[in-house]
Amino acid sequence: MMLKREHLDQAVAIARRYGADRVLLFGSALESPETARDIDLAVGGVDGWEFFGMAAEMEEALPLPVDVIPLAPENAFTRHIRARGRWLYERR
């Protein structure tokens, strides 16, 4: 299934409802949205059980499987995502 902008907008809306301050797209959906098999997102500002609730809601709402990782704590992987991913949302 092709990843559409409306899918990303829906993911951002869900993340924002949970208090997210940053959402980045990375992985295969960024590189080739027309053949995406899943949606890889990195989200900042959502902690604990809220993070799992947000991820579950995204999985139910979106037409592709969703992999969501937290942006904190910072490590080599999250630095790579920040450098190469595409910002979908950042609270200013």
PDB file of N, CA and C in Angstrom:
ATOM      1  N   MET A   1       0.842  -1.185   0.000  1.00  0.00           N
ATOM      2  CA  MET A   1       0.000   0.000   0.000  1.00  0.00           C
ATOM      3  C   MET A   1       0.883   1.243   0.000  1.00  0.00           C
ATOM      4  N   MET A   2       0.466   2.235  -0.728  1.00  0.00           N
ATOM      5  CA  MET A   2       1.226   3.476  -0.794  1.00  0.00           C
ATOM      6  C   MET A   2       0.961   4.339   0.439  1.00  0.00           C
ATOM      7  N   LEU A   3       2.027   4.851   1.006  1.00  0.00           N
ATOM      8  CA  LEU A   3       1.920   5.769   2.137  1.00  0.00           C
ATOM      9  C   LEU A   3       1.511   7.140   1.615  1.00  0.00           C
ATOM     10  N   LYS A   4       0.447   7.688   2.183  1.00  0.00           N
ATOM     11  CA  LYS A   4      -0.057   8.992   1.749  1.00  0.00           C
ATOM     12  C   LYS A   4       0.179  10.030   2.835  1.00  0.00           C
ATOM     13  N   ARG A   5       0.204  11.286   2.426  1.00  0.00           N
ATOM     14  CA  ARG A   5       0.400  12.388   3.372  1.00  0.00           C
ATOM     15  C   ARG A   5      -0.668  12.357   4.464  1.00  0.00           C
ATOM     16  N   GLU A   6      -1.878  11.982   4.111  1.00  0.00           N
ATOM     17  CA  GLU A   6      -2.954  11.945   5.108  1.00  0.00           C
ATOM     18  C   GLU A   6      -2.658  10.932   6.217  1.00  0.00           C
ATOM     19  N   HIS A   7      -1.959   9.842   5.889  1.00  0.00           N
ATOM     20  CA  HIS A   7      -1.577   8.870   6.917  1.00  0.00           C
ATOM     21  C   HIS A   7      -0.602   9.505   7.902  1.00  0.00           C
ATOM     22  N   LEU A   8       0.356  10.250   7.370  1.00  0.00           N
ATOM     23  CA  LEU A   8       1.336  10.916   8.238  1.00  0.00           C
ATOM     24  C   LEU A   8       0.664  11.987   9.082  1.00  0.00           C
ATOM     25  N   ASP A   9      -0.257  12.731   8.484  1.00  0.00           N
ATOM     26  CA  ASP A   9      -0.995  13.754   9.235  1.00  0.00           C
ATOM     27  C   ASP A   9      -1.787  13.118  10.371  1.00  0.00           C
ATOM     28  N   GLN A  10      -2.360  11.964  10.108  1.00  0.00           N
ATOM     29  CA  GLN A  10      -3.128  11.256  11.135  1.00  0.00           C
ATOM     30  C   GLN A  10      -2.210  10.795  12.266  1.00  0.00           C
ATOM     31  N   ALA A  11      -1.030  10.286  11.929  1.00  0.00           N
ATOM     32  CA  ALA A  11      -0.069   9.864  12.951  1.00  0.00           C
ATOM     33  C   ALA A  11       0.363  11.045  13.808  1.00  0.00           C
ATOM     34  N   VAL A  12       0.629  12.180  13.173  1.00  0.00           N
ATOM     35  CA  VAL A  12       1.026  13.380  13.924  1.00  0.00           C
ATOM     36  C   VAL A  12      -0.108  13.834  14.839  1.00  0.00           C
ATOM     37  N   ALA A  13      -1.330  13.815  14.358  1.00  0.00           N
ATOM     38  CA  ALA A  13      -2.471  14.225  15.184  1.00  0.00           C
ATOM     39  C   ALA A  13      -2.596  13.341  16.417  1.00  0.00           C
ATOM     40  N   ILE A  14      -2.415  12.048  16.250  1.00  0.00           N
ATOM     41  CA  ILE A  14      -2.467  11.129  17.389  1.00  0.00           C
ATOM     42  C   ILE A  14      -1.336  11.448  18.358  1.00  0.00           C
ATOM     43  N   ALA A  15      -0.126  11.606  17.848  1.00  0.00           N
ATOM     44  CA  ALA A  15       1.024  11.905  18.704  1.00  0.00           C
ATOM     45  C   ALA A  15       0.806  13.204  19.477  1.00  0.00           C
ATOM     46  N   ARG A  16       0.284  14.210  18.827  1.00  0.00           N
ATOM     47  CA  ARG A  16       0.047  15.497  19.492  1.00  0.00           C
ATOM     48  C   ARG A  16      -0.991  15.368  20.600  1.00  0.00           C
ATOM     49  N   ARG A  17      -2.010  14.544  20.399  1.00  0.00           N
ATOM     50  CA  ARG A  17      -3.008  14.328  21.457  1.00  0.00           C
ATOM     51  C   ARG A  17      -2.369  13.743  22.710  1.00  0.00           C
ATOM     52  N   TYR A  18      -1.290  13.001  22.534  1.00  0.00           N
ATOM     53  CA  TYR A  18      -0.579  12.412  23.666  1.00  0.00           C
ATOM     54  C   TYR A  18       0.520  13.329  24.199  1.00  0.00           C
ATOM     55  N   GLY A  19       0.635  14.527  23.651  1.00  0.00           N
ATOM     56  CA  GLY A  19       1.597  15.501  24.153  1.00  0.00           C
ATOM     57  C   GLY A  19       2.942  15.500  23.467  1.00  0.00           C
ATOM     58  N   ALA A  20       3.052  14.854  22.319  1.00  0.00           N
ATOM     59  CA  ALA A  20       4.337  14.800  21.613  1.00  0.00           C
ATOM     60  C   ALA A  20       4.816  16.197  21.257  1.00  0.00           C
ATOM     61  N   ASP A  21       6.132  16.391  21.364  1.00  0.00           N
ATOM     62  CA  ASP A  21       6.711  17.663  20.941  1.00  0.00           C
ATOM     63  C   ASP A  21       7.534  17.519  19.668  1.00  0.00           C
ATOM     64  N   ARG A  22       7.776  16.277  19.232  1.00  0.00           N
ATOM     65  CA  ARG A  22       8.514  16.031  17.989  1.00  0.00           C
ATOM     66  C   ARG A  22       8.063  14.707  17.386  1.00  0.00           C
ATOM     67  N   VAL A  23       7.968  14.694  16.058  1.00  0.00           N
ATOM     68  CA  VAL A  23       7.670  13.455  15.329  1.00  0.00           C
ATOM     69  C   VAL A  23       8.529  13.446  14.075  1.00  0.00           C
ATOM     70  N   LEU A  24       9.274  12.367  13.895  1.00  0.00           N
ATOM     71  CA  LEU A  24      10.112  12.208  12.704  1.00  0.00           C
ATOM     72  C   LEU A  24       9.760  10.924  11.990  1.00  0.00           C
ATOM     73  N   LEU A  25       9.787  10.992  10.668  1.00  0.00           N
ATOM     74  CA  LEU A  25       9.623   9.819   9.815  1.00  0.00           C
ATOM     75  C   LEU A  25      11.010   9.346   9.404  1.00  0.00           C
ATOM     76  N   PHE A  26      11.234   8.035   9.458  1.00  0.00           N
ATOM     77  CA  PHE A  26      12.506   7.477   9.015  1.00  0.00           C
ATOM     78  C   PHE A  26      12.252   6.106   8.403  1.00  0.00           C
ATOM     79  N   GLY A  27      13.288   5.504   7.880  1.00  0.00           N
ATOM     80  CA  GLY A  27      13.177   4.148   7.355  1.00  0.00           C
ATOM     81  C   GLY A  27      12.626   4.079   5.944  1.00  0.00           C
ATOM     82  N   SER A  28      12.098   2.912   5.600  1.00  0.00           N
ATOM     83  CA  SER A  28      11.684   2.637   4.224  1.00  0.00           C
ATOM     84  C   SER A  28      10.564   3.549   3.738  1.00  0.00           C
ATOM     85  N   ALA A  29       9.668   3.957   4.617  1.00  0.00           N
ATOM     86  CA  ALA A  29       8.575   4.841   4.202  1.00  0.00           C
ATOM     87  C   ALA A  29       9.091   6.209   3.778  1.00  0.00           C
ATOM     88  N   LEU A  30      10.194   6.628   4.332  1.00  0.00           N
ATOM     89  CA  LEU A  30      10.808   7.894   3.935  1.00  0.00           C
ATOM     90  C   LEU A  30      11.489   7.744   2.583  1.00  0.00           C
ATOM     91  N   GLU A  31      12.166   6.630   2.400  1.00  0.00           N
ATOM     92  CA  GLU A  31      12.945   6.407   1.181  1.00  0.00           C
ATOM     93  C   GLU A  31      12.079   6.042  -0.019  1.00  0.00           C
ATOM     94  N   SER A  32      11.002   5.305   0.210  1.00  0.00           N
ATOM     95  CA  SER A  32      10.172   4.832  -0.902  1.00  0.00           C
ATOM     96  C   SER A  32       8.707   4.711  -0.460  1.00  0.00           C
ATOM     97  N   PRO A  33       7.999   5.844  -0.324  1.00  0.00           N
ATOM     98  CA  PRO A  33       6.625   5.793   0.183  1.00  0.00           C
ATOM     99  C   PRO A  33       5.667   4.970  -0.676  1.00  0.00           C
ATOM    100  N   GLU A  34       5.955   4.867  -1.959  1.00  0.00           N
ATOM    101  CA  GLU A  34       5.043   4.114  -2.833  1.00  0.00           C
ATOM    102  C   GLU A  34       5.104   2.608  -2.595  1.00  0.00           C
ATOM    103  N   THR A  35       6.161   2.115  -1.992  1.00  0.00           N
ATOM    104  CA  THR A  35       6.265   0.682  -1.705  1.00  0.00           C
ATOM    105  C   THR A  35       6.435   0.403  -0.214  1.00  0.00           C
ATOM    106  N   ALA A  36       6.096   1.369   0.622  1.00  0.00           N
ATOM    107  CA  ALA A  36       6.283   1.217   2.071  1.00  0.00           C
ATOM    108  C   ALA A  36       5.506   0.018   2.600  1.00  0.00           C
ATOM    109  N   ARG A  37       6.168  -0.755   3.438  1.00  0.00           N
ATOM    110  CA  ARG A  37       5.522  -1.898   4.086  1.00  0.00           C
ATOM    111  C   ARG A  37       5.124  -1.560   5.515  1.00  0.00           C
ATOM    112  N   ASP A  38       5.738  -0.504   6.050  1.00  0.00           N
ATOM    113  CA  ASP A  38       5.397  -0.046   7.390  1.00  0.00           C
ATOM    114  C   ASP A  38       5.761   1.428   7.514  1.00  0.00           C
ATOM    115  N   ILE A  39       5.415   2.005   8.652  1.00  0.00           N
ATOM    116  CA  ILE A  39       5.716   3.404   8.935  1.00  0.00           C
ATOM    117  C   ILE A  39       6.603   3.430  10.169  1.00  0.00           C
ATOM    118  N   ASP A  40       7.810   3.952  10.018  1.00  0.00           N
ATOM    119  CA  ASP A  40       8.742   4.081  11.137  1.00  0.00           C
ATOM    120  C   ASP A  40       8.722   5.524  11.617  1.00  0.00           C
ATOM    121  N   LEU A  41       8.376   5.707  12.884  1.00  0.00           N
ATOM    122  CA  LEU A  41       8.300   7.042  13.465  1.00  0.00           C
ATOM    123  C   LEU A  41       9.125   7.104  14.737  1.00  0.00           C
ATOM    124  N   ALA A  42       9.743   8.248  14.960  1.00  0.00           N
ATOM    125  CA  ALA A  42      10.410   8.537  16.226  1.00  0.00           C
ATOM    126  C   ALA A  42       9.653   9.698  16.853  1.00  0.00           C
ATOM    127  N   VAL A  43       9.294   9.549  18.128  1.00  0.00           N
ATOM    128  CA  VAL A  43       8.448  10.535  18.802  1.00  0.00           C
ATOM    129  C   VAL A  43       9.120  10.981  20.093  1.00  0.00           C
ATOM    130  N   GLY A  44       9.107  12.289  20.318  1.00  0.00           N
ATOM    131  CA  GLY A  44       9.639  12.848  21.553  1.00  0.00           C
ATOM    132  C   GLY A  44       8.533  13.464  22.387  1.00  0.00           C
ATOM    133  N   GLY A  45       8.728  13.473  23.698  1.00  0.00           N
ATOM    134  CA  GLY A  45       7.806  14.149  24.600  1.00  0.00           C
ATOM    135  C   GLY A  45       6.674  13.304  25.143  1.00  0.00           C
ATOM    136  N   VAL A  46       6.634  12.024  24.817  1.00  0.00           N
ATOM    137  CA  VAL A  46       5.602  11.125  25.337  1.00  0.00           C
ATOM    138  C   VAL A  46       6.324  10.029  26.111  1.00  0.00           C
ATOM    139  N   ASP A  47       5.977   9.888  27.382  1.00  0.00           N
ATOM    140  CA  ASP A  47       6.708   8.961  28.244  1.00  0.00           C
ATOM    141  C   ASP A  47       5.814   7.860  28.806  1.00  0.00           C
ATOM    142  N   GLY A  48       6.476   6.835  29.291  1.00  0.00           N
ATOM    143  CA  GLY A  48       5.819   5.774  30.040  1.00  0.00           C
ATOM    144  C   GLY A  48       4.698   5.090  29.292  1.00  0.00           C
ATOM    145  N   TRP A  49       3.640   4.787  30.047  1.00  0.00           N
ATOM    146  CA  TRP A  49       2.515   4.056  29.480  1.00  0.00           C
ATOM    147  C   TRP A  49       1.807   4.842  28.394  1.00  0.00           C
ATOM    148  N   GLU A  50       1.875   6.163  28.475  1.00  0.00           N
ATOM    149  CA  GLU A  50       1.271   6.997  27.434  1.00  0.00           C
ATOM    150  C   GLU A  50       1.890   6.684  26.069  1.00  0.00           C
ATOM    151  N   PHE A  51       3.193   6.440  26.059  1.00  0.00           N
ATOM    152  CA  PHE A  51       3.881   6.124  24.802  1.00  0.00           C
ATOM    153  C   PHE A  51       3.283   4.867  24.174  1.00  0.00           C
ATOM    154  N   PHE A  52       3.052   3.843  24.995  1.00  0.00           N
ATOM    155  CA  PHE A  52       2.493   2.592  24.477  1.00  0.00           C
ATOM    156  C   PHE A  52       1.052   2.778  24.010  1.00  0.00           C
ATOM    157  N   GLY A  53       0.287   3.595  24.718  1.00  0.00           N
ATOM    158  CA  GLY A  53      -1.078   3.893  24.293  1.00  0.00           C
ATOM    159  C   GLY A  53      -1.105   4.599  22.952  1.00  0.00           C
ATOM    160  N   MET A  54      -0.193   5.562  22.787  1.00  0.00           N
ATOM    161  CA  MET A  54      -0.087   6.293  21.523  1.00  0.00           C
ATOM    162  C   MET A  54       0.265   5.341  20.382  1.00  0.00           C
ATOM    163  N   ALA A  55       1.254   4.491  20.603  1.00  0.00           N
ATOM    164  CA  ALA A  55       1.682   3.548  19.569  1.00  0.00           C
ATOM    165  C   ALA A  55       0.543   2.596  19.196  1.00  0.00           C
ATOM    166  N   ALA A  56      -0.203   2.123  20.185  1.00  0.00           N
ATOM    167  CA  ALA A  56      -1.327   1.221  19.917  1.00  0.00           C
ATOM    168  C   ALA A  56      -2.413   1.930  19.112  1.00  0.00           C
ATOM    169  N   GLU A  57      -2.693   3.189  19.450  1.00  0.00           N
ATOM    170  CA  GLU A  57      -3.710   3.936  18.709  1.00  0.00           C
ATOM    171  C   GLU A  57      -3.281   4.152  17.260  1.00  0.00           C
ATOM    172  N   MET A  58      -2.007   4.455  17.044  1.00  0.00           N
ATOM    173  CA  MET A  58      -1.501   4.609  15.676  1.00  0.00           C
ATOM    174  C   MET A  58      -1.650   3.310  14.895  1.00  0.00           C
ATOM    175  N   GLU A  59      -1.300   2.210  15.534  1.00  0.00           N
ATOM    176  CA  GLU A  59      -1.372   0.902  14.872  1.00  0.00           C
ATOM    177  C   GLU A  59      -2.805   0.590  14.444  1.00  0.00           C
ATOM    178  N   GLU A  60      -3.772   0.934  15.287  1.00  0.00           N
ATOM    179  CA  GLU A  60      -5.177   0.676  14.964  1.00  0.00           C
ATOM    180  C   GLU A  60      -5.706   1.615  13.881  1.00  0.00           C
ATOM    181  N   ALA A  61      -5.236   2.859  13.873  1.00  0.00           N
ATOM    182  CA  ALA A  61      -5.802   3.878  12.985  1.00  0.00           C
ATOM    183  C   ALA A  61      -5.215   3.877  11.579  1.00  0.00           C
ATOM    184  N   LEU A  62      -3.974   3.448  11.448  1.00  0.00           N
ATOM    185  CA  LEU A  62      -3.286   3.579  10.161  1.00  0.00           C
ATOM    186  C   LEU A  62      -3.338   2.280   9.356  1.00  0.00           C
ATOM    187  N   PRO A  63      -3.310   2.384   8.023  1.00  0.00           N
ATOM    188  CA  PRO A  63      -3.462   1.199   7.179  1.00  0.00           C
ATOM    189  C   PRO A  63      -2.204   0.348   7.037  1.00  0.00           C
ATOM    190  N   LEU A  64      -1.072   0.832   7.524  1.00  0.00           N
ATOM    191  CA  LEU A  64       0.186   0.084   7.488  1.00  0.00           C
ATOM    192  C   LEU A  64       0.649  -0.180   8.911  1.00  0.00           C
ATOM    193  N   PRO A  65       1.419  -1.238   9.137  1.00  0.00           N
ATOM    194  CA  PRO A  65       2.003  -1.432  10.461  1.00  0.00           C
ATOM    195  C   PRO A  65       2.862  -0.224  10.841  1.00  0.00           C
ATOM    196  N   VAL A  66       2.887   0.090  12.127  1.00  0.00           N
ATOM    197  CA  VAL A  66       3.620   1.256  12.614  1.00  0.00           C
ATOM    198  C   VAL A  66       4.646   0.813  13.648  1.00  0.00           C
ATOM    199  N   ASP A  67       5.883   1.249  13.464  1.00  0.00           N
ATOM    200  CA  ASP A  67       6.939   1.058  14.459  1.00  0.00           C
ATOM    201  C   ASP A  67       7.264   2.428  15.021  1.00  0.00           C
ATOM    202  N   VAL A  68       7.094   2.595  16.327  1.00  0.00           N
ATOM    203  CA  VAL A  68       7.337   3.885  16.969  1.00  0.00           C
ATOM    204  C   VAL A  68       8.423   3.706  18.013  1.00  0.00           C
ATOM    205  N   ILE A  69       9.426   4.585  17.961  1.00  0.00           N
ATOM    206  CA  ILE A  69      10.485   4.556  18.968  1.00  0.00           C
ATOM    207  C   ILE A  69      10.550   5.917  19.650  1.00  0.00           C
ATOM    208  N   PRO A  70      10.982   5.943  20.912  1.00  0.00           N
ATOM    209  CA  PRO A  70      11.147   7.226  21.602  1.00  0.00           C
ATOM    210  C   PRO A  70      12.447   7.906  21.182  1.00  0.00           C
ATOM    211  N   LEU A  71      12.425   9.232  21.144  1.00  0.00           N
ATOM    212  CA  LEU A  71      13.638   9.993  20.822  1.00  0.00           C
ATOM    213  C   LEU A  71      14.561  10.157  22.024  1.00  0.00           C
ATOM    214  N   ALA A  72      14.090   9.828  23.204  1.00  0.00           N
ATOM    215  CA  ALA A  72      14.923   9.923  24.404  1.00  0.00           C
ATOM    216  C   ALA A  72      14.934   8.557  25.078  1.00  0.00           C
ATOM    217  N   PRO A  73      16.053   8.183  25.653  1.00  0.00           N
ATOM    218  CA  PRO A  73      17.294   8.952  25.766  1.00  0.00           C
ATOM    219  C   PRO A  73      18.052   8.970  24.431  1.00  0.00           C
ATOM    220  N   GLU A  74      18.841  10.006  24.264  1.00  0.00           N
ATOM    221  CA  GLU A  74      19.628  10.141  23.041  1.00  0.00           C
ATOM    222  C   GLU A  74      20.701   9.059  22.980  1.00  0.00           C
ATOM    223  N   ASN A  75      20.866   8.497  21.799  1.00  0.00           N
ATOM    224  CA  ASN A  75      21.908   7.498  21.563  1.00  0.00           C
ATOM    225  C   ASN A  75      22.287   7.559  20.083  1.00  0.00           C
ATOM    226  N   ALA A  76      23.166   6.683  19.644  1.00  0.00           N
ATOM    227  CA  ALA A  76      23.630   6.716  18.249  1.00  0.00           C
ATOM    228  C   ALA A  76      22.469   6.548  17.266  1.00  0.00           C
ATOM    229  N   PHE A  77      21.517   5.696  17.601  1.00  0.00           N
ATOM    230  CA  PHE A  77      20.383   5.456  16.706  1.00  0.00           C
ATOM    231  C   PHE A  77      19.498   6.696  16.592  1.00  0.00           C
ATOM    232  N   THR A  78      19.160   7.315  17.722  1.00  0.00           N
ATOM    233  CA  THR A  78      18.304   8.501  17.656  1.00  0.00           C
ATOM    234  C   THR A  78      19.033   9.678  17.007  1.00  0.00           C
ATOM    235  N   ARG A  79      20.336   9.778  17.182  1.00  0.00           N
ATOM    236  CA  ARG A  79      21.100  10.824  16.485  1.00  0.00           C
ATOM    237  C   ARG A  79      21.051  10.596  14.972  1.00  0.00           C
ATOM    238  N   HIS A  80      21.156   9.351  14.559  1.00  0.00           N
ATOM    239  CA  HIS A  80      21.062   9.002  13.131  1.00  0.00           C
ATOM    240  C   HIS A  80      19.680   9.385  12.580  1.00  0.00           C
ATOM    241  N   ILE A  81      18.638   9.076  13.329  1.00  0.00           N
ATOM    242  CA  ILE A  81      17.279   9.414  12.900  1.00  0.00           C
ATOM    243  C   ILE A  81      17.116  10.925  12.789  1.00  0.00           C
ATOM    244  N   ARG A  82      17.613  11.658  13.767  1.00  0.00           N
ATOM    245  CA  ARG A  82      17.513  13.126  13.724  1.00  0.00           C
ATOM    246  C   ARG A  82      18.245  13.690  12.509  1.00  0.00           C
ATOM    247  N   ALA A  83      19.376  13.092  12.168  1.00  0.00           N
ATOM    248  CA  ALA A  83      20.184  13.592  11.046  1.00  0.00           C
ATOM    249  C   ALA A  83      19.580  13.235   9.690  1.00  0.00           C
ATOM    250  N   ARG A  84      18.960  12.061   9.586  1.00  0.00           N
ATOM    251  CA  ARG A  84      18.496  11.582   8.282  1.00  0.00           C
ATOM    252  C   ARG A  84      16.988  11.530   8.121  1.00  0.00           C
ATOM    253  N   GLY A  85      16.267  11.580   9.224  1.00  0.00           N
ATOM    254  CA  GLY A  85      14.812  11.503   9.143  1.00  0.00           C
ATOM    255  C   GLY A  85      14.195  12.804   8.672  1.00  0.00           C
ATOM    256  N   ARG A  86      12.893  12.763   8.450  1.00  0.00           N
ATOM    257  CA  ARG A  86      12.159  13.966   8.042  1.00  0.00           C
ATOM    258  C   ARG A  86      11.235  14.386   9.176  1.00  0.00           C
ATOM    259  N   TRP A  87      11.397  15.634   9.607  1.00  0.00           N
ATOM    260  CA  TRP A  87      10.548  16.172  10.666  1.00  0.00           C
ATOM    261  C   TRP A  87       9.128  16.310  10.140  1.00  0.00           C
ATOM    262  N   LEU A  88       8.201  15.667  10.812  1.00  0.00           N
ATOM    263  CA  LEU A  88       6.788  15.818  10.484  1.00  0.00           C
ATOM    264  C   LEU A  88       6.141  16.858  11.384  1.00  0.00           C
ATOM    265  N   TYR A  89       6.677  16.989  12.600  1.00  0.00           N
ATOM    266  CA  TYR A  89       6.133  17.939  13.571  1.00  0.00           C
ATOM    267  C   TYR A  89       7.208  18.268  14.589  1.00  0.00           C
ATOM    268  N   GLU A  90       7.264  19.550  14.950  1.00  0.00           N
ATOM    269  CA  GLU A  90       8.124  19.984  16.050  1.00  0.00           C
ATOM    270  C   GLU A  90       7.454  21.172  16.716  1.00  0.00           C
ATOM    271  N   ARG A  91       7.159  21.025  18.016  1.00  0.00           N
ATOM    272  CA  ARG A  91       6.538  22.116  18.762  1.00  0.00           C
ATOM    273  C   ARG A  91       7.557  23.228  18.931  1.00  0.00           C
ATOM    274  N   ARG A  92       7.135  24.417  18.699  1.00  0.00           N
ATOM    275  CA  ARG A  92       8.042  25.577  18.822  1.00  0.00           C
ATOM    276  C   ARG A  92       7.677  26.405  20.016  1.00  0.00           C
TER     277      ARG A  92
END
